[in-house]
C-alpha atoms as a PDB file:
ATOM      1  CA  UNK A   1      -0.208   0.093   0.029  1.00  0.00           C
ATOM      2  CA  UNK A   2       1.442   3.237  -0.905  1.00  0.00           C
ATOM      3  CA  UNK A   3       0.490   7.029  -0.403  1.00  0.00           C
ATOM      4  CA  UNK A   4       0.440  10.026  -3.459  1.00  0.00           C
ATOM      5  CA  UNK A   5       3.460  11.244  -3.466  1.00  0.00           C
ATOM      6  CA  UNK A   6       4.809  14.695  -1.634  1.00  0.00           C
ATOM      7  CA  UNK A   7       2.268  16.979  -0.369  1.00  0.00           C
ATOM      8  CA  UNK A   8       3.934  20.159  -0.820  1.00  0.00           C
ATOM      9  CA  UNK A   9       3.938  24.017   0.914  1.00  0.00           C
ATOM     10  CA  UNK A  10       7.110  24.819  -0.583  1.00  0.00           C
ATOM     11  CA  UNK A  11       9.385  27.381  -0.268  1.00  0.00           C
ATOM     12  CA  UNK A  12      12.623  27.175  -1.386  1.00  0.00           C
ATOM     13  CA  UNK A  13      14.913  26.819   1.877  1.00  0.00           C
ATOM     14  CA  UNK A  14      11.797  24.843   3.390  1.00  0.00           C
ATOM     15  CA  UNK A  15      13.286  21.205   5.095  1.00  0.00           C
ATOM     16  CA  UNK A  16      11.652  18.644   3.598  1.00  0.00           C
ATOM     17  CA  UNK A  17       9.667  16.205   5.622  1.00  0.00           C
ATOM     18  CA  UNK A  18       8.734  11.870   5.616  1.00  0.00           C
ATOM     19  CA  UNK A  19       6.210  11.073   8.194  1.00  0.00           C
ATOM     20  CA  UNK A  20       5.950   7.314   8.593  1.00  0.00           C
ATOM     21  CA  UNK A  21       2.808   6.041  10.337  1.00  0.00           C
ATOM     22  CA  UNK A  22       0.674   3.485   9.453  1.00  0.00           C
ATOM     23  CA  UNK A  23      -2.046   5.344  12.081  1.00  0.00           C
ATOM     24  CA  UNK A  24      -3.755   7.065   9.281  1.00  0.00           C
ATOM     25  CA  UNK A  25      -5.018   9.814  11.355  1.00  0.00           C
ATOM     26  CA  UNK A  26      -1.902  10.886  13.316  1.00  0.00           C
ATOM     27  CA  UNK A  27      -0.350  10.826  10.462  1.00  0.00           C
ATOM     28  CA  UNK A  28      -2.519  13.273   8.651  1.00  0.00           C
ATOM     29  CA  UNK A  29      -2.750  15.205  12.084  1.00  0.00           C
ATOM     30  CA  UNK A  30       1.137  15.556  11.640  1.00  0.00           C
ATOM     31  CA  UNK A  31       1.472  15.783   8.230  1.00  0.00           C
ATOM     32  CA  UNK A  32      -0.806  19.412   8.357  1.00  0.00           C
ATOM     33  CA  UNK A  33       0.990  20.672  11.432  1.00  0.00           C
ATOM     34  CA  UNK A  34       4.335  20.405  10.389  1.00  0.00           C
ATOM     35  CA  UNK A  35       3.180  21.781   6.659  1.00  0.00           C
ATOM     36  CA  UNK A  36       2.016  24.953   9.014  1.00  0.00           C
ATOM     37  CA  UNK A  37       4.749  25.625  10.405  1.00  0.00           C
ATOM     38  CA  UNK A  38       6.800  25.754   7.007  1.00  0.00           C
ATOM     39  CA  UNK A  39       7.982  21.783   6.256  1.00  0.00           C
ATOM     40  CA  UNK A  40       8.041  20.563   2.991  1.00  0.00           C
ATOM     41  CA  UNK A  41       6.088  16.882   4.330  1.00  0.00           C
ATOM     42  CA  UNK A  42       5.712  13.426   2.043  1.00  0.00           C
ATOM     43  CA  UNK A  43       3.879  10.473   4.026  1.00  0.00           C
ATOM     44  CA  UNK A  44       3.952   6.854   3.758  1.00  0.00           C
ATOM     45  CA  UNK A  45       2.198   3.855   5.407  1.00  0.00           C
ATOM     46  CA  UNK A  46       4.726   2.277   6.232  1.00  0.00           C
ATOM     47  CA  UNK A  47       8.445   0.703   5.850  1.00  0.00           C
ATOM     48  CA  UNK A  48       7.897  -0.834   2.461  1.00  0.00           C
ATOM     49  CA  UNK A  49       6.032   2.622   1.251  1.00  0.00           C
ATOM     50  CA  UNK A  50       8.894   4.788   2.723  1.00  0.00           C
ATOM     51  CA  UNK A  51      11.272   2.686   1.243  1.00  0.00           C
ATOM     52  CA  UNK A  52       9.213   3.665  -2.249  1.00  0.00           C
ATOM     53  CA  UNK A  53       9.121   7.357  -1.218  1.00  0.00           C
ATOM     54  CA  UNK A  54      12.892   7.394  -0.645  1.00  0.00           C
ATOM     55  CA  UNK A  55      14.034   5.433  -3.752  1.00  0.00           C
ATOM     56  CA  UNK A  56      12.239   8.727  -5.408  1.00  0.00           C
ATOM     57  CA  UNK A  57      13.865  11.717  -3.795  1.00  0.00           C
ATOM     58  CA  UNK A  58      15.603  13.120  -1.146  1.00  0.00           C
ATOM     59  CA  UNK A  59      14.397  14.132   2.706  1.00  0.00           C
ATOM     60  CA  UNK A  60      16.398  16.573   5.244  1.00  0.00           C
ATOM     61  CA  UNK A  61      14.665  13.780   8.091  1.00  0.00           C
ATOM     62  CA  UNK A  62      12.563  11.044   8.778  1.00  0.00           C
ATOM     63  CA  UNK A  63       9.716  10.721  11.385  1.00  0.00           C
ATOM     64  CA  UNK A  64       9.376   7.174  12.188  1.00  0.00           C
ATOM     65  CA  UNK A  65       7.044   5.203  14.036  1.00  0.00           C
ATOM     66  CA  UNK A  66       8.557   2.055  15.655  1.00  0.00           C
ATOM     67  CA  UNK A  67       5.105  -0.507  15.565  1.00  0.00           C
ATOM     68  CA  UNK A  68       4.071  -0.519  12.443  1.00  0.00           C
ATOM     69  CA  UNK A  69       2.696  -3.949  10.932  1.00  0.00           C
ATOM     70  CA  UNK A  70       5.552  -5.843   8.556  1.00  0.00           C
ATOM     71  CA  UNK A  71       9.090  -4.315   8.393  1.00  0.00           C
ATOM     72  CA  UNK A  72       8.640  -2.232  11.991  1.00  0.00           C
ATOM     73  CA  UNK A  73      10.643   1.076  12.524  1.00  0.00           C
ATOM     74  CA  UNK A  74      13.504  -0.475  14.109  1.00  0.00           C
ATOM     75  CA  UNK A  75      14.120  -2.925  11.767  1.00  0.00           C
ATOM     76  CA  UNK A  76      13.326  -0.596   8.796  1.00  0.00           C
ATOM     77  CA  UNK A  77      16.048   2.028  10.471  1.00  0.00           C
ATOM     78  CA  UNK A  78      18.692  -0.757  11.321  1.00  0.00           C
ATOM     79  CA  UNK A  79      18.475  -1.838   7.783  1.00  0.00           C
ATOM     80  CA  UNK A  80      18.945   1.945   6.603  1.00  0.00           C
ATOM     81  CA  UNK A  81      21.876   2.565   8.363  1.00  0.00           C
ATOM     82  CA  UNK A  82      23.845  -0.655   7.175  1.00  0.00           C
ATOM     83  CA  UNK A  83      22.999   0.660   3.491  1.00  0.00           C
ATOM     84  CA  UNK A  84      25.456   3.442   4.541  1.00  0.00           C
ATOM     85  CA  UNK A  85      21.922   5.923   4.790  1.00  0.00           C
ATOM     86  CA  UNK A  86      22.536   8.704   7.310  1.00  0.00           C
ATOM     87  CA  UNK A  87      19.441  10.878   6.815  1.00  0.00           C
ATOM     88  CA  UNK A  88      18.282  11.782  10.419  1.00  0.00           C
ATOM     89  CA  UNK A  89      15.539  10.056  12.193  1.00  0.00           C
ATOM     90  CA  UNK A  90      13.415  10.906  15.049  1.00  0.00           C
ATOM     91  CA  UNK A  91      11.612   7.692  16.176  1.00  0.00           C
ATOM     92  CA  UNK A  92       8.178   7.890  17.635  1.00  0.00           C
ATOM     93  CA  UNK A  93       6.649   4.936  20.037  1.00  0.00           C
ATOM     94  CA  UNK A  94       4.122   4.066  22.459  1.00  0.00           C
ATOM     95  CA  UNK A  95       6.645   2.313  24.540  1.00  0.00           C
ATOM     96  CA  UNK A  96       8.266   4.781  26.753  1.00  0.00           C
ATOM     97  CA  UNK A  97      10.987   3.008  28.822  1.00  0.00           C
ATOM     98  CA  UNK A  98      14.315   3.206  28.466  1.00  0.00           C
ATOM     99  CA  UNK A  99      15.158  -0.287  27.005  1.00  0.00           C
ATOM    100  CA  UNK A 100      13.099   0.666  23.887  1.00  0.00           C
ATOM    101  CA  UNK A 101      14.990   4.386  23.504  1.00  0.00           C
ATOM    102  CA  UNK A 102      18.221   2.355  23.902  1.00  0.00           C
ATOM    103  CA  UNK A 103      17.238  -0.154  21.048  1.00  0.00           C
ATOM    104  CA  UNK A 104      15.785   2.860  18.665  1.00  0.00           C
ATOM    105  CA  UNK A 105      19.380   4.594  19.423  1.00  0.00           C
ATOM    106  CA  UNK A 106      21.392   1.693  19.068  1.00  0.00           C
ATOM    107  CA  UNK A 107      19.791   0.889  15.560  1.00  0.00           C
ATOM    108  CA  UNK A 108      20.799   4.605  14.413  1.00  0.00           C
ATOM    109  CA  UNK A 109      18.135   6.774  15.803  1.00  0.00           C
ATOM    110  CA  UNK A 110      19.191  10.961  16.298  1.00  0.00           C
ATOM    111  CA  UNK A 111      15.885  11.628  18.701  1.00  0.00           C
ATOM    112  CA  UNK A 112      13.357   9.642  20.334  1.00  0.00           C
ATOM    113  CA  UNK A 113       9.696  10.779  21.061  1.00  0.00           C
ATOM    114  CA  UNK A 114       6.822   8.208  23.112  1.00  0.00           C
ATOM    115  CA  UNK A 115       3.569   8.708  22.462  1.00  0.00           C
ATOM    116  CA  UNK A 116       1.585  10.671  23.529  1.00  0.00           C
ATOM    117  CA  UNK A 117       3.310  13.993  22.549  1.00  0.00           C
ATOM    118  CA  UNK A 118       2.437  17.663  22.566  1.00  0.00           C
ATOM    119  CA  UNK A 119       2.830  18.569  18.786  1.00  0.00           C
ATOM    120  CA  UNK A 120       5.370  21.773  19.648  1.00  0.00           C
ATOM    121  CA  UNK A 121       7.912  19.518  21.427  1.00  0.00           C
ATOM    122  CA  UNK A 122       8.250  17.461  18.590  1.00  0.00           C
ATOM    123  CA  UNK A 123       8.138  20.635  16.268  1.00  0.00           C
ATOM    124  CA  UNK A 124      11.198  21.469  18.506  1.00  0.00           C
ATOM    125  CA  UNK A 125      12.972  18.169  18.433  1.00  0.00           C
ATOM    126  CA  UNK A 126      12.764  18.603  14.333  1.00  0.00           C
ATOM    127  CA  UNK A 127      14.345  21.943  14.804  1.00  0.00           C
ATOM    128  CA  UNK A 128      17.389  20.753  16.864  1.00  0.00           C
ATOM    129  CA  UNK A 129      18.034  17.478  14.694  1.00  0.00           C
ATOM    130  CA  UNK A 130      18.495  20.148  11.455  1.00  0.00           C
ATOM    131  CA  UNK A 131      20.628  22.371  13.343  1.00  0.00           C
ATOM    132  CA  UNK A 132      22.804  19.638  14.326  1.00  0.00           C
ATOM    133  CA  UNK A 133      23.140  18.933  10.386  1.00  0.00           C
ATOM    134  CA  UNK A 134      26.198  20.062   8.268  1.00  0.00           C
ATOM    135  CA  UNK A 135      24.836  23.156   5.737  1.00  0.00           C
ATOM    136  CA  UNK A 136      24.951  21.749   2.044  1.00  0.00           C
ATOM    137  CA  UNK A 137      27.808  23.641  -0.215  1.00  0.00           C
ATOM    138  CA  UNK A 138      26.357  26.934  -1.876  1.00  0.00           C
ATOM    139  CA  UNK A 139      25.743  25.593  -5.442  1.00  0.00           C
ATOM    140  CA  UNK A 140      27.955  27.786  -7.404  1.00  0.00           C
ATOM    141  CA  UNK A 141      28.153  28.396 -11.274  1.00  0.00           C
ATOM    142  CA  UNK A 142      27.546  25.823 -13.442  1.00  0.00           C
ATOM    143  CA  UNK A 143      28.997  25.130 -16.619  1.00  0.00           C
ATOM    144  CA  UNK A 144      27.131  23.920 -19.853  1.00  0.00           C
ATOM    145  CA  UNK A 145      29.055  24.275 -23.363  1.00  0.00           C
ATOM    146  CA  UNK A 146      29.012  28.056 -24.263  1.00  0.00           C
ATOM    147  CA  UNK A 147      26.889  28.547 -21.398  1.00  0.00           C
ATOM    148  CA  UNK A 148      27.248  29.290 -17.297  1.00  0.00           C
ATOM    149  CA  UNK A 149      24.371  29.255 -15.576  1.00  0.00           C
ATOM    150  CA  UNK A 150      24.369  31.532 -12.402  1.00  0.00           C
ATOM    151  CA  UNK A 151      22.137  30.277  -9.718  1.00  0.00           C
ATOM    152  CA  UNK A 152      22.112  33.804  -7.989  1.00  0.00           C
ATOM    153  CA  UNK A 153      20.570  35.826 -10.989  1.00  0.00           C
ATOM    154  CA  UNK A 154      18.883  33.077 -12.320  1.00  0.00           C
ATOM    155  CA  UNK A 155      20.540  33.795 -15.658  1.00  0.00           C
ATOM    156  CA  UNK A 156      23.018  31.850 -18.713  1.00  0.00           C
ATOM    157  CA  UNK A 157      26.081  33.947 -19.162  1.00  0.00           C
ATOM    158  CA  UNK A 158      28.209  34.026 -22.611  1.00  0.00           C
ATOM    159  CA  UNK A 159      30.308  36.730 -22.567  1.00  0.00           C
ATOM    160  CA  UNK A 160      28.207  39.842 -23.359  1.00  0.00           C
ATOM    161  CA  UNK A 161      25.119  37.162 -24.196  1.00  0.00           C
ATOM    162  CA  UNK A 162      22.504  36.581 -21.340  1.00  0.00           C
ATOM    163  CA  UNK A 163      19.774  34.615 -21.079  1.00  0.00           C
ATOM    164  CA  UNK A 164      17.095  35.257 -18.565  1.00  0.00           C
ATOM    165  CA  UNK A 165      15.511  32.156 -17.003  1.00  0.00           C
ATOM    166  CA  UNK A 166      11.923  32.036 -15.397  1.00  0.00           C
ATOM    167  CA  UNK A 167      11.539  30.976 -12.030  1.00  0.00           C
ATOM    168  CA  UNK A 168      10.414  27.095 -12.729  1.00  0.00           C
ATOM    169  CA  UNK A 169      13.020  27.326 -15.289  1.00  0.00           C
ATOM    170  CA  UNK A 170      15.789  28.110 -13.006  1.00  0.00           C
ATOM    171  CA  UNK A 171      14.334  25.532 -10.021  1.00  0.00           C
ATOM    172  CA  UNK A 172      14.536  22.878 -12.416  1.00  0.00           C
ATOM    173  CA  UNK A 173      18.046  23.512 -13.446  1.00  0.00           C
ATOM    174  CA  UNK A 174      19.265  24.048  -9.535  1.00  0.00           C
ATOM    175  CA  UNK A 175      17.560  21.179  -8.347  1.00  0.00           C
ATOM    176  CA  UNK A 176      19.423  19.107 -10.864  1.00  0.00           C
ATOM    177  CA  UNK A 177      22.676  21.019 -11.118  1.00  0.00           C
ATOM    178  CA  UNK A 178      22.460  20.327  -6.802  1.00  0.00           C
ATOM    179  CA  UNK A 179      23.289  16.415  -7.629  1.00  0.00           C
ATOM    180  CA  UNK A 180      25.186  16.656 -11.044  1.00  0.00           C
ATOM    181  CA  UNK A 181      24.718  13.096 -12.586  1.00  0.00           C
ATOM    182  CA  UNK A 182      21.866  11.250 -10.235  1.00  0.00           C
ATOM    183  CA  UNK A 183      18.918  11.113 -11.613  1.00  0.00           C
ATOM    184  CA  UNK A 184      16.062  12.839 -10.429  1.00  0.00           C
ATOM    185  CA  UNK A 185      12.744  11.905 -10.420  1.00  0.00           C
ATOM    186  CA  UNK A 186      10.157  13.731 -11.970  1.00  0.00           C
ATOM    187  CA  UNK A 187       8.074  13.630  -8.303  1.00  0.00           C
ATOM    188  CA  UNK A 188      11.090  14.856  -6.677  1.00  0.00           C
ATOM    189  CA  UNK A 189      11.307  17.957  -9.035  1.00  0.00           C
ATOM    190  CA  UNK A 190       7.224  18.573  -9.010  1.00  0.00           C
ATOM    191  CA  UNK A 191       7.697  18.578  -4.994  1.00  0.00           C
ATOM    192  CA  UNK A 192      10.371  21.163  -5.761  1.00  0.00           C
ATOM    193  CA  UNK A 193       8.120  23.743  -7.299  1.00  0.00           C
ATOM    194  CA  UNK A 194       6.854  26.642  -5.701  1.00  0.00           C
ATOM    195  CA  UNK A 195       3.924  26.679  -8.211  1.00  0.00           C
ATOM    196  CA  UNK A 196       1.036  23.984  -8.543  1.00  0.00           C
ATOM    197  CA  UNK A 197       2.772  21.259 -11.433  1.00  0.00           C
ATOM    198  CA  UNK A 198       2.426  17.831 -11.975  1.00  0.00           C
ATOM    199  CA  UNK A 199       4.907  15.609 -14.159  1.00  0.00           C
ATOM    200  CA  UNK A 200       3.523  16.493 -17.260  1.00  0.00           C
ATOM    201  CA  UNK A 201       4.398  20.418 -16.951  1.00  0.00           C
ATOM    202  CA  UNK A 202       8.242  19.568 -15.615  1.00  0.00           C
ATOM    203  CA  UNK A 203       8.341  17.578 -18.987  1.00  0.00           C
ATOM    204  CA  UNK A 204       7.070  20.843 -20.641  1.00  0.00           C
ATOM    205  CA  UNK A 205       9.545  23.041 -18.639  1.00  0.00           C
ATOM    206  CA  UNK A 206      12.101  20.638 -19.649  1.00  0.00           C
ATOM    207  CA  UNK A 207      11.804  20.832 -23.086  1.00  0.00           C
ATOM    208  CA  UNK A 208      12.021  24.270 -22.971  1.00  0.00           C
ATOM    209  CA  UNK A 209      14.847  24.477 -20.694  1.00  0.00           C
ATOM    210  CA  UNK A 210      16.924  22.493 -23.370  1.00  0.00           C
ATOM    211  CA  UNK A 211      16.281  24.539 -26.092  1.00  0.00           C
ATOM    212  CA  UNK A 212      18.133  27.485 -24.389  1.00  0.00           C
ATOM    213  CA  UNK A 213      20.975  25.305 -23.132  1.00  0.00           C
ATOM    214  CA  UNK A 214      21.628  22.652 -25.755  1.00  0.00           C
ATOM    215  CA  UNK A 215      22.875  22.860 -29.350  1.00  0.00           C
ATOM    216  CA  UNK A 216      20.509  20.219 -30.445  1.00  0.00           C
ATOM    217  CA  UNK A 217      17.719  19.944 -28.389  1.00  0.00           C
ATOM    218  CA  UNK A 218      16.403  16.985 -29.809  1.00  0.00           C
ATOM    219  CA  UNK A 219      19.748  15.019 -28.922  1.00  0.00           C
ATOM    220  CA  UNK A 220      20.583  16.245 -25.673  1.00  0.00           C
ATOM    221  CA  UNK A 221      24.248  16.603 -24.242  1.00  0.00           C
ATOM    222  CA  UNK A 222      23.257  18.006 -20.964  1.00  0.00           C
ATOM    223  CA  UNK A 223      20.068  17.741 -20.189  1.00  0.00           C
ATOM    224  CA  UNK A 224      19.118  14.024 -20.191  1.00  0.00           C
ATOM    225  CA  UNK A 225      16.170  12.327 -20.311  1.00  0.00           C
ATOM    226  CA  UNK A 226      16.161   8.643 -18.107  1.00  0.00           C
ATOM    227  CA  UNK A 227      13.311   6.824 -19.709  1.00  0.00           C
ATOM    228  CA  UNK A 228      10.683   5.796 -16.616  1.00  0.00           C
ATOM    229  CA  UNK A 229      13.131   7.242 -14.001  1.00  0.00           C
ATOM    230  CA  UNK A 230      13.455  10.972 -14.672  1.00  0.00           C
ATOM    231  CA  UNK A 231      16.165  13.274 -15.515  1.00  0.00           C
ATOM    232  CA  UNK A 232      20.048  14.011 -15.041  1.00  0.00           C
ATOM    233  CA  UNK A 233      22.165  17.288 -15.196  1.00  0.00           C
ATOM    234  CA  UNK A 234      26.035  16.469 -16.911  1.00  0.00           C
ATOM    235  CA  UNK A 235      27.386  19.828 -16.696  1.00  0.00           C
ATOM    236  CA  UNK A 236      30.702  20.446 -17.554  1.00  0.00           C
ATOM    237  CA  UNK A 237      33.731  20.012 -15.350  1.00  0.00           C
END
């Protein structure tokens, strides 16, 4: 069972959270509460659903229930850590004794909050975890053949010639350039847009962007379609 992809209240610097809980009511309440406080929020009904979501897009923190049907939160977290994933995790559980907290921390949780809890405490703990994370390096100039993409000005520059990008085009290029050589799903690109978008509109915007950066847009060198997966940007070194 899966839920739709990211439900987004987007701002450019909004941390992306994934809430994983098999309690639909709590999942919905947490999602609404966290969006009201400026987060981009996706939800998953269980560990398998969470695994699918995490294969599609990057998140900044996972709010993870311990007691779920199928793979438990502890099992899911231990497996992700064994695979090398370092995404911060705040675990939620109905069990609050010290042994369970220790098991969660040993599995790789960054913090542990027993149910029931005050939403404001959850918010404080999430922000505390995020503050401890290293800040990503700022995106600098990206070279695409004759063009240099200036992420501060949303422009393509070549000597004395300048092409201004739309906010959506620039947002797509920043999202792809921040992970050069990495396939970014259409779903993740939709989540990163400040305007209402869907996968079809993303495809249209990519086509427009190609006309500006590619010598031959029908045979792109830099902005490549990975059929069934998404897009990848391969800038010049």
